[in-house]
C-alpha atoms as a PDB file:
ATOM      1  CA  UNK A   1      26.635  34.196  36.979  1.00  0.00           C
ATOM      2  CA  UNK A   2      24.783  32.821  33.920  1.00  0.00           C
ATOM      3  CA  UNK A   3      23.054  29.467  34.053  1.00  0.00           C
ATOM      4  CA  UNK A   4      23.372  27.146  31.138  1.00  0.00           C
ATOM      5  CA  UNK A   5      20.941  24.688  30.231  1.00  0.00           C
ATOM      6  CA  UNK A   6      21.855  21.065  30.067  1.00  0.00           C
ATOM      7  CA  UNK A   7      21.228  18.789  27.002  1.00  0.00           C
ATOM      8  CA  UNK A   8      17.758  18.282  25.776  1.00  0.00           C
ATOM      9  CA  UNK A   9      16.517  14.826  25.050  1.00  0.00           C
ATOM     10  CA  UNK A  10      14.594  14.834  21.745  1.00  0.00           C
ATOM     11  CA  UNK A  11      12.352  11.672  21.088  1.00  0.00           C
ATOM     12  CA  UNK A  12      11.672  11.595  17.262  1.00  0.00           C
ATOM     13  CA  UNK A  13       9.310   9.121  16.179  1.00  0.00           C
ATOM     14  CA  UNK A  14       9.845   9.404  12.541  1.00  0.00           C
ATOM     15  CA  UNK A  15      11.826   7.447   9.931  1.00  0.00           C
ATOM     16  CA  UNK A  16      15.040   8.741   8.597  1.00  0.00           C
ATOM     17  CA  UNK A  17      14.906  12.290   7.302  1.00  0.00           C
ATOM     18  CA  UNK A  18      15.520  11.537   3.853  1.00  0.00           C
ATOM     19  CA  UNK A  19      12.400   9.209   3.842  1.00  0.00           C
ATOM     20  CA  UNK A  20      10.319  11.876   5.391  1.00  0.00           C
ATOM     21  CA  UNK A  21      11.402  14.283   2.773  1.00  0.00           C
ATOM     22  CA  UNK A  22      10.719  11.850  -0.072  1.00  0.00           C
ATOM     23  CA  UNK A  23       7.200  11.270   1.211  1.00  0.00           C
ATOM     24  CA  UNK A  24       5.946  14.469  -0.415  1.00  0.00           C
ATOM     25  CA  UNK A  25       6.541  12.564  -3.791  1.00  0.00           C
ATOM     26  CA  UNK A  26       4.119   9.746  -2.724  1.00  0.00           C
ATOM     27  CA  UNK A  27       1.243  11.970  -1.692  1.00  0.00           C
ATOM     28  CA  UNK A  28       2.004  12.578   1.961  1.00  0.00           C
ATOM     29  CA  UNK A  29       1.109  16.239   2.618  1.00  0.00           C
ATOM     30  CA  UNK A  30       3.681  18.440   4.210  1.00  0.00           C
ATOM     31  CA  UNK A  31       5.683  15.414   5.738  1.00  0.00           C
ATOM     32  CA  UNK A  32       8.335  17.586   7.186  1.00  0.00           C
ATOM     33  CA  UNK A  33       5.817  19.670   9.319  1.00  0.00           C
ATOM     34  CA  UNK A  34       3.407  16.827  10.704  1.00  0.00           C
ATOM     35  CA  UNK A  35       3.332  14.403  13.432  1.00  0.00           C
ATOM     36  CA  UNK A  36       4.783  10.845  12.745  1.00  0.00           C
ATOM     37  CA  UNK A  37       3.818   7.844  14.953  1.00  0.00           C
ATOM     38  CA  UNK A  38       5.511   4.625  14.538  1.00  0.00           C
ATOM     39  CA  UNK A  39       2.822   1.948  15.101  1.00  0.00           C
ATOM     40  CA  UNK A  40       4.648  -0.635  17.091  1.00  0.00           C
ATOM     41  CA  UNK A  41       6.183   2.031  19.567  1.00  0.00           C
ATOM     42  CA  UNK A  42       3.550   4.407  20.181  1.00  0.00           C
ATOM     43  CA  UNK A  43       0.965   3.653  22.715  1.00  0.00           C
ATOM     44  CA  UNK A  44      -1.248   6.435  21.509  1.00  0.00           C
ATOM     45  CA  UNK A  45      -1.928   5.063  18.068  1.00  0.00           C
ATOM     46  CA  UNK A  46      -5.080   3.274  17.298  1.00  0.00           C
ATOM     47  CA  UNK A  47      -5.015  -0.254  18.645  1.00  0.00           C
ATOM     48  CA  UNK A  48      -6.409  -1.750  15.427  1.00  0.00           C
ATOM     49  CA  UNK A  49      -3.479  -0.228  13.398  1.00  0.00           C
ATOM     50  CA  UNK A  50      -1.083  -1.911  15.951  1.00  0.00           C
ATOM     51  CA  UNK A  51      -2.897  -5.142  15.232  1.00  0.00           C
ATOM     52  CA  UNK A  52      -2.884  -4.791  11.590  1.00  0.00           C
ATOM     53  CA  UNK A  53       0.873  -3.893  11.540  1.00  0.00           C
ATOM     54  CA  UNK A  54       1.725  -7.122  12.955  1.00  0.00           C
ATOM     55  CA  UNK A  55       0.862  -9.305   9.983  1.00  0.00           C
ATOM     56  CA  UNK A  56       3.616 -10.335   7.510  1.00  0.00           C
ATOM     57  CA  UNK A  57       3.805 -10.625   4.703  1.00  0.00           C
ATOM     58  CA  UNK A  58       2.215  -7.235   4.180  1.00  0.00           C
ATOM     59  CA  UNK A  59      -1.267  -7.391   2.781  1.00  0.00           C
ATOM     60  CA  UNK A  60      -2.994  -4.004   1.965  1.00  0.00           C
ATOM     61  CA  UNK A  61      -6.220  -5.759   0.959  1.00  0.00           C
ATOM     62  CA  UNK A  62      -7.642  -5.519   4.586  1.00  0.00           C
ATOM     63  CA  UNK A  63     -10.946  -7.265   5.881  1.00  0.00           C
ATOM     64  CA  UNK A  64     -13.951  -4.910   5.725  1.00  0.00           C
ATOM     65  CA  UNK A  65     -14.071  -4.774   9.590  1.00  0.00           C
ATOM     66  CA  UNK A  66     -10.336  -3.309   9.735  1.00  0.00           C
ATOM     67  CA  UNK A  67     -11.161  -0.387   7.339  1.00  0.00           C
ATOM     68  CA  UNK A  68     -12.968   1.774   9.900  1.00  0.00           C
ATOM     69  CA  UNK A  69      -9.997   2.618  11.948  1.00  0.00           C
ATOM     70  CA  UNK A  70     -10.091   6.042  13.520  1.00  0.00           C
ATOM     71  CA  UNK A  71      -7.077   8.439  14.189  1.00  0.00           C
ATOM     72  CA  UNK A  72      -6.632   9.720  17.756  1.00  0.00           C
ATOM     73  CA  UNK A  73      -8.343  12.860  16.471  1.00  0.00           C
ATOM     74  CA  UNK A  74     -11.241  11.076  15.372  1.00  0.00           C
ATOM     75  CA  UNK A  75     -10.589  11.221  11.481  1.00  0.00           C
ATOM     76  CA  UNK A  76     -11.531   8.177   9.551  1.00  0.00           C
ATOM     77  CA  UNK A  77      -8.255   6.509   8.399  1.00  0.00           C
ATOM     78  CA  UNK A  78      -7.628   5.273   4.824  1.00  0.00           C
ATOM     79  CA  UNK A  79      -5.886   2.040   4.446  1.00  0.00           C
ATOM     80  CA  UNK A  80      -2.174   1.370   5.090  1.00  0.00           C
ATOM     81  CA  UNK A  81      -0.131   1.432   1.828  1.00  0.00           C
ATOM     82  CA  UNK A  82       3.356  -0.270   1.363  1.00  0.00           C
ATOM     83  CA  UNK A  83       6.381   1.660  -0.012  1.00  0.00           C
ATOM     84  CA  UNK A  84       9.937   0.743  -0.565  1.00  0.00           C
ATOM     85  CA  UNK A  85      12.466   3.514  -0.367  1.00  0.00           C
ATOM     86  CA  UNK A  86      15.835   3.153  -2.096  1.00  0.00           C
ATOM     87  CA  UNK A  87      18.816   4.994  -0.845  1.00  0.00           C
ATOM     88  CA  UNK A  88      21.933   6.187  -3.041  1.00  0.00           C
ATOM     89  CA  UNK A  89      23.963   3.436  -1.562  1.00  0.00           C
ATOM     90  CA  UNK A  90      21.148   0.823  -2.689  1.00  0.00           C
ATOM     91  CA  UNK A  91      19.904   0.140   0.753  1.00  0.00           C
ATOM     92  CA  UNK A  92      16.146  -0.332   0.908  1.00  0.00           C
ATOM     93  CA  UNK A  93      13.512   0.416   3.678  1.00  0.00           C
ATOM     94  CA  UNK A  94      10.004  -1.051   3.252  1.00  0.00           C
ATOM     95  CA  UNK A  95       7.436   0.937   5.213  1.00  0.00           C
ATOM     96  CA  UNK A  96       3.736   0.902   5.634  1.00  0.00           C
ATOM     97  CA  UNK A  97       2.360   4.480   5.855  1.00  0.00           C
ATOM     98  CA  UNK A  98      -0.944   6.041   6.175  1.00  0.00           C
ATOM     99  CA  UNK A  99      -1.792   9.992   6.688  1.00  0.00           C
ATOM    100  CA  UNK A 100      -4.865  11.052   8.717  1.00  0.00           C
ATOM    101  CA  UNK A 101      -6.908  13.295   6.277  1.00  0.00           C
ATOM    102  CA  UNK A 102      -8.130  15.251   9.264  1.00  0.00           C
ATOM    103  CA  UNK A 103      -5.049  16.084  11.408  1.00  0.00           C
ATOM    104  CA  UNK A 104      -2.357  14.971   8.909  1.00  0.00           C
ATOM    105  CA  UNK A 105      -0.576  12.728  11.371  1.00  0.00           C
ATOM    106  CA  UNK A 106       1.542  10.010   9.629  1.00  0.00           C
ATOM    107  CA  UNK A 107       1.473   6.503  10.873  1.00  0.00           C
ATOM    108  CA  UNK A 108       4.164   4.333   9.781  1.00  0.00           C
ATOM    109  CA  UNK A 109       5.605   0.799  10.327  1.00  0.00           C
ATOM    110  CA  UNK A 110       8.976  -0.583   9.260  1.00  0.00           C
ATOM    111  CA  UNK A 111       8.145  -3.792   7.400  1.00  0.00           C
ATOM    112  CA  UNK A 112      11.745  -5.086   7.317  1.00  0.00           C
ATOM    113  CA  UNK A 113      13.082  -6.486   4.079  1.00  0.00           C
END
């Protein structure tokens, strides 16, 4: 008798795949091969990023004390940047993104429209 495995639950913390793929065009290194963490849902992301991501309207000019945020790996994080992705059906998705220069994890937040 053979045993079959049941369904596997996969938890993906990345934005829609077309956005991930397009991120190589905005300077994210190997976006399809790195870890993605959504700021408002991941408890393991740096608390300072979760705090910064709460503010709207989005402001990429952060106070000096907010720029020394460290990734979980210990790498110093650059500032979050805002991007708007436009799909073929003219829908738009506005995201804040940053990639850790050390471990290449991408942190992101949906800024709404």
